[in-house]
Amino acid sequence: MAEGGRVVAAVQDLFFVARIRETADYEALFGAVAGVAPRPTVLAFTTHALASRTKPLHARCDRVVTKETLTAELGLILRGALR
């Protein structure tokens, strides 16, 4: 990872969602990001099945991707985030 760089992941997964909810919810996450200057890039992951449910959060993200896009572009996305 680049010096001083950070990658934050918010995952809706049965194994991890309970742990994430223990420490922060989406409003806390977006509030923390909004308070940082310059604001970090927010990449969100959703599925086609969840897209309508997550739609209200999409405007607060720089990019929203599906599993297929994330899988295909993960290397490029991470390299871009660490520049």
Protein backbone atom coordinates (compact mmCIF):
# COMPACT_ATOMS: atom_id res chain seq x y z
CA MET A 1 0.00 0.00 0.00
CA ALA A 2 1.20 3.49 -0.76
CA GLU A 3 2.51 5.44 2.18
CA GLY A 4 -0.37 7.17 3.94
CA GLY A 5 -2.94 5.42 1.72
CA ARG A 6 -6.00 3.68 3.08
CA VAL A 7 -8.57 1.32 1.68
CA VAL A 8 -11.87 1.01 3.55
CA ALA A 9 -14.30 -1.77 2.72
CA ALA A 10 -17.96 -1.88 3.69
CA VAL A 11 -19.27 -5.35 2.91
CA GLN A 12 -22.80 -6.71 3.01
CA ASP A 13 -21.92 -10.33 3.55
CA LEU A 14 -23.46 -12.73 6.05
CA PHE A 15 -20.09 -13.43 7.64
CA PHE A 16 -18.99 -9.81 7.99
CA VAL A 17 -22.13 -7.65 8.19
CA ALA A 18 -22.69 -8.33 11.91
CA ARG A 19 -19.11 -7.35 12.73
CA ILE A 20 -19.32 -4.18 10.62
CA ARG A 21 -22.62 -3.19 12.25
CA GLU A 22 -20.99 -3.52 15.67
CA THR A 23 -18.56 -0.74 14.83
CA ALA A 24 -20.31 1.52 12.28
CA ASP A 25 -23.38 1.85 10.01
CA TYR A 26 -23.58 3.48 6.60
CA GLU A 27 -24.46 6.94 7.94
CA ALA A 28 -21.41 6.88 10.20
CA LEU A 29 -19.25 5.75 7.28
CA PHE A 30 -20.47 8.49 4.93
CA GLY A 31 -20.27 11.06 7.73
CA ALA A 32 -16.65 10.15 8.42
CA VAL A 33 -15.75 10.35 4.74
CA ALA A 34 -17.48 13.72 4.34
CA GLY A 35 -15.41 15.16 7.17
CA VAL A 36 -12.07 14.41 5.48
CA ALA A 37 -10.37 16.86 3.14
CA PRO A 38 -9.69 16.01 0.44
CA ARG A 39 -12.60 13.57 0.44
CA PRO A 40 -11.50 10.01 -0.36
CA THR A 41 -12.94 8.24 -3.37
CA VAL A 42 -15.88 6.04 -2.41
CA LEU A 43 -16.27 2.83 -4.41
CA ALA A 44 -19.39 0.87 -3.52
CA PHE A 45 -20.25 -2.73 -4.31
CA THR A 46 -23.79 -3.99 -4.85
CA THR A 47 -25.47 -6.87 -6.56
CA HIS A 48 -28.14 -6.71 -9.25
CA ALA A 49 -30.58 -8.10 -6.68
CA LEU A 50 -29.72 -5.39 -4.11
CA ALA A 51 -29.35 -2.47 -6.52
CA SER A 52 -32.82 -1.04 -5.90
CA ARG A 53 -32.37 -1.31 -2.13
CA THR A 54 -28.94 0.34 -2.18
CA LYS A 55 -29.93 3.02 -4.76
CA PRO A 56 -30.43 5.78 -2.13
CA LEU A 57 -26.73 5.45 -1.23
CA HIS A 58 -25.40 5.52 -4.80
CA ALA A 59 -25.38 9.32 -5.08
CA ARG A 60 -23.00 9.47 -2.11
CA CYS A 61 -20.49 7.25 -3.89
CA ASP A 62 -18.07 8.05 -6.69
CA ARG A 63 -18.72 4.70 -8.34
CA VAL A 64 -20.99 1.73 -7.71
CA VAL A 65 -20.03 -1.62 -9.21
CA THR A 66 -21.44 -5.13 -9.36
CA LYS A 67 -19.58 -8.34 -8.60
CA GLU A 68 -18.77 -8.87 -12.26
CA THR A 69 -17.22 -5.40 -12.63
CA LEU A 70 -15.38 -5.67 -9.32
CA THR A 71 -13.96 -9.05 -10.29
CA ALA A 72 -12.90 -7.88 -13.74
CA GLU A 73 -11.41 -4.54 -12.63
CA LEU A 74 -10.18 -5.17 -9.08
CA GLY A 75 -6.49 -4.86 -9.94
CA LEU A 76 -7.03 -1.59 -11.80
CA ILE A 77 -9.30 -0.23 -9.07
CA LEU A 78 -6.79 -0.95 -6.31
CA ARG A 79 -3.84 0.42 -8.29
CA GLY A 80 -5.83 3.59 -8.99
CA ALA A 81 -6.78 3.97 -5.32
CA LEU A 82 -3.17 3.72 -4.18
CA ARG A 83 -1.80 6.43 -6.46
